[in-house]
N, C-alpha and C. Protein backbone atom coordinates (compact mmCIF):
# COMPACT_ATOMS: atom_id res chain seq x y z
N THR A 1 250.03 34.09 188.16
CA THR A 1 248.70 33.52 188.20
C THR A 1 248.01 33.66 186.85
N ALA A 2 248.14 34.83 186.23
CA ALA A 2 247.52 35.05 184.92
C ALA A 2 248.10 34.07 183.89
N ALA A 3 249.40 33.85 183.93
CA ALA A 3 250.04 32.96 182.97
C ALA A 3 249.53 31.53 183.12
N LEU A 4 249.40 31.08 184.35
CA LEU A 4 248.91 29.72 184.59
C LEU A 4 247.49 29.55 184.08
N GLY A 5 246.66 30.56 184.30
CA GLY A 5 245.28 30.50 183.82
C GLY A 5 245.20 30.46 182.31
N VAL A 6 246.04 31.24 181.65
CA VAL A 6 246.04 31.25 180.18
C VAL A 6 246.51 29.91 179.64
N VAL A 7 247.60 29.39 180.17
CA VAL A 7 248.12 28.10 179.70
C VAL A 7 247.10 26.99 179.93
N ALA A 8 246.47 26.98 181.08
CA ALA A 8 245.47 25.95 181.38
C ALA A 8 244.28 26.04 180.43
N GLY A 9 243.97 27.24 179.94
CA GLY A 9 242.85 27.42 179.05
C GLY A 9 243.15 27.24 177.58
N LEU A 10 244.43 27.04 177.24
CA LEU A 10 244.78 26.84 175.83
C LEU A 10 244.20 25.54 175.31
N PRO A 11 243.78 25.51 174.05
CA PRO A 11 243.36 24.24 173.46
C PRO A 11 244.54 23.27 173.49
N PRO A 12 244.26 21.98 173.64
CA PRO A 12 245.35 20.99 173.78
C PRO A 12 246.38 21.03 172.66
N ASP A 13 245.95 21.25 171.41
CA ASP A 13 246.92 21.25 170.31
C ASP A 13 247.90 22.41 170.41
N LEU A 14 247.44 23.57 170.87
CA LEU A 14 248.34 24.71 171.03
C LEU A 14 249.20 24.54 172.27
N ARG A 15 248.61 24.10 173.37
CA ARG A 15 249.36 23.89 174.61
C ARG A 15 250.51 22.91 174.41
N ALA A 16 250.31 21.91 173.55
CA ALA A 16 251.34 20.90 173.32
C ALA A 16 252.59 21.48 172.65
N SER A 17 252.46 22.62 171.98
CA SER A 17 253.62 23.21 171.31
C SER A 17 254.39 24.17 172.21
N VAL A 18 253.88 24.47 173.40
CA VAL A 18 254.50 25.43 174.31
C VAL A 18 255.54 24.72 175.18
N VAL A 19 256.74 25.31 175.24
CA VAL A 19 257.79 24.77 176.12
C VAL A 19 258.10 25.69 177.28
N ALA A 20 257.74 26.97 177.15
CA ALA A 20 258.00 27.92 178.23
C ALA A 20 257.00 29.06 178.16
N VAL A 21 256.71 29.61 179.32
CA VAL A 21 255.81 30.75 179.43
C VAL A 21 256.60 31.89 180.06
N GLU A 22 256.49 33.05 179.47
CA GLU A 22 257.15 34.23 180.03
C GLU A 22 256.08 35.24 180.40
N ALA A 23 256.18 35.81 181.59
CA ALA A 23 255.21 36.79 182.05
C ALA A 23 255.95 37.95 182.70
N GLN A 24 256.10 39.02 181.94
CA GLN A 24 256.72 40.23 182.49
C GLN A 24 255.75 40.93 183.44
N SER A 25 254.45 40.77 183.15
CA SER A 25 253.38 41.31 183.97
C SER A 25 252.10 40.57 183.57
N PRO A 26 251.00 40.78 184.27
CA PRO A 26 249.75 40.09 183.89
C PRO A 26 249.22 40.46 182.50
N VAL A 27 249.74 41.53 181.93
CA VAL A 27 249.27 41.93 180.60
C VAL A 27 250.35 41.75 179.53
N ASP A 28 251.43 41.07 179.88
CA ASP A 28 252.55 40.87 178.95
C ASP A 28 252.99 39.41 178.98
N LEU A 29 252.12 38.54 178.50
CA LEU A 29 252.40 37.10 178.47
C LEU A 29 252.88 36.68 177.10
N SER A 30 253.81 35.75 177.07
CA SER A 30 254.25 35.18 175.80
C SER A 30 254.64 33.73 176.01
N PHE A 31 254.65 33.00 174.91
CA PHE A 31 254.99 31.57 174.93
C PHE A 31 256.17 31.32 174.02
N ARG A 32 257.08 30.48 174.46
CA ARG A 32 258.14 29.99 173.60
C ARG A 32 257.71 28.61 173.13
N LEU A 33 257.83 28.36 171.84
CA LEU A 33 257.36 27.12 171.25
C LEU A 33 258.49 26.13 171.02
N LYS A 34 258.14 24.89 170.80
CA LYS A 34 259.11 23.83 170.57
C LYS A 34 260.04 24.15 169.40
N ASN A 35 259.52 24.85 168.40
CA ASN A 35 260.34 25.16 167.23
C ASN A 35 261.20 26.40 167.43
N GLY A 36 261.19 26.99 168.63
CA GLY A 36 262.01 28.16 168.93
C GLY A 36 261.31 29.49 168.72
N ALA A 37 260.16 29.49 168.10
CA ALA A 37 259.41 30.72 167.87
C ALA A 37 258.77 31.21 169.17
N THR A 38 258.32 32.45 169.15
CA THR A 38 257.65 33.05 170.29
C THR A 38 256.27 33.53 169.87
N VAL A 39 255.29 33.30 170.73
CA VAL A 39 253.94 33.83 170.52
C VAL A 39 253.68 34.86 171.61
N VAL A 40 253.45 36.10 171.20
CA VAL A 40 253.10 37.16 172.14
C VAL A 40 251.60 37.10 172.34
N TRP A 41 251.19 36.86 173.58
CA TRP A 41 249.78 36.68 173.92
C TRP A 41 249.15 37.96 174.46
N GLY A 42 249.92 38.73 175.20
CA GLY A 42 249.37 39.94 175.82
C GLY A 42 248.68 39.59 177.12
N ASP A 43 247.47 40.10 177.31
CA ASP A 43 246.74 39.84 178.55
C ASP A 43 245.87 38.59 178.41
N SER A 44 245.11 38.29 179.43
CA SER A 44 244.32 37.05 179.45
C SER A 44 242.95 37.18 178.79
N THR A 45 242.61 38.35 178.26
CA THR A 45 241.30 38.53 177.64
C THR A 45 241.27 37.93 176.23
N ARG A 46 240.08 37.61 175.78
CA ARG A 46 239.82 37.14 174.41
C ARG A 46 240.64 35.91 174.04
N ALA A 47 240.79 34.99 174.98
CA ALA A 47 241.62 33.81 174.76
C ALA A 47 241.16 32.99 173.57
N ASP A 48 239.87 32.81 173.39
CA ASP A 48 239.38 32.02 172.25
C ASP A 48 239.74 32.69 170.93
N ASP A 49 239.59 33.99 170.85
CA ASP A 49 239.94 34.73 169.64
C ASP A 49 241.44 34.66 169.37
N LYS A 50 242.24 34.74 170.42
CA LYS A 50 243.68 34.67 170.27
C LYS A 50 244.11 33.29 169.79
N ALA A 51 243.45 32.25 170.27
CA ALA A 51 243.76 30.89 169.82
C ALA A 51 243.45 30.74 168.33
N VAL A 52 242.33 31.29 167.88
CA VAL A 52 241.98 31.24 166.46
C VAL A 52 243.02 31.99 165.63
N ALA A 53 243.42 33.17 166.10
CA ALA A 53 244.43 33.96 165.39
C ALA A 53 245.77 33.22 165.35
N TRP A 54 246.13 32.59 166.44
CA TRP A 54 247.38 31.82 166.51
C TRP A 54 247.37 30.72 165.47
N ARG A 55 246.29 29.98 165.41
CA ARG A 55 246.20 28.90 164.41
C ARG A 55 246.30 29.44 162.99
N ALA A 56 245.74 30.61 162.77
CA ALA A 56 245.74 31.19 161.42
C ALA A 56 247.13 31.63 160.97
N ILE A 57 247.94 32.17 161.89
CA ILE A 57 249.24 32.70 161.45
C ILE A 57 250.41 31.76 161.72
N ILE A 58 250.23 30.74 162.52
CA ILE A 58 251.36 29.87 162.85
C ILE A 58 251.83 29.08 161.62
N THR A 59 250.99 28.99 160.61
CA THR A 59 251.38 28.29 159.38
C THR A 59 252.34 29.13 158.55
N ARG A 60 252.46 30.41 158.88
CA ARG A 60 253.39 31.31 158.17
C ARG A 60 254.80 31.12 158.72
N ARG A 61 255.77 31.29 157.86
CA ARG A 61 257.16 31.14 158.29
C ARG A 61 257.57 32.38 159.08
N GLY A 62 257.99 32.19 160.31
CA GLY A 62 258.41 33.31 161.14
C GLY A 62 258.96 32.83 162.47
N THR A 63 259.40 33.78 163.26
CA THR A 63 259.94 33.46 164.58
C THR A 63 259.20 34.17 165.70
N LEU A 64 258.39 35.17 165.33
CA LEU A 64 257.64 35.93 166.32
C LEU A 64 256.22 36.12 165.81
N TYR A 65 255.26 35.62 166.58
CA TYR A 65 253.85 35.71 166.22
C TYR A 65 253.15 36.50 167.32
N ASN A 66 252.41 37.52 166.94
CA ASN A 66 251.76 38.37 167.93
C ASN A 66 250.25 38.28 167.77
N VAL A 67 249.59 37.71 168.78
CA VAL A 67 248.13 37.59 168.76
C VAL A 67 247.51 38.41 169.90
N SER A 68 248.28 39.34 170.45
CA SER A 68 247.77 40.14 171.57
C SER A 68 246.56 40.96 171.17
N SER A 69 246.48 41.31 169.91
CA SER A 69 245.28 41.94 169.35
C SER A 69 244.77 40.99 168.28
N PRO A 70 243.89 40.06 168.64
CA PRO A 70 243.52 38.99 167.72
C PRO A 70 242.83 39.45 166.44
N ASP A 71 242.32 40.66 166.42
CA ASP A 71 241.73 41.18 165.19
C ASP A 71 242.82 41.56 164.18
N TYR A 72 244.02 41.79 164.66
CA TYR A 72 245.15 42.19 163.81
C TYR A 72 246.41 41.41 164.17
N PRO A 73 246.40 40.08 164.03
CA PRO A 73 247.60 39.30 164.37
C PRO A 73 248.73 39.64 163.40
N SER A 74 249.94 39.45 163.88
CA SER A 74 251.09 39.73 163.02
C SER A 74 252.19 38.70 163.26
N TYR A 75 253.12 38.66 162.35
CA TYR A 75 254.27 37.77 162.49
C TYR A 75 255.45 38.36 161.76
N ARG A 76 256.64 37.88 162.13
CA ARG A 76 257.85 38.26 161.40
C ARG A 76 258.87 37.16 161.50
């Protein structure tokens, strides 16, 4: 349920890049993207901040982007 709510709330440009959603638990959500990368979302809180962080780091070359703590996004 948490995963569906998060996906439905994603901005259209970000949602369009998602091909799969993985939810180990309501606080461990992640997205697999069309380019094969993964975005670690975490829980459903601070969705707007996480979307901003995602946009900021997705331009970096990497395969794993973590926006679960949007104040400190990371990638590798």
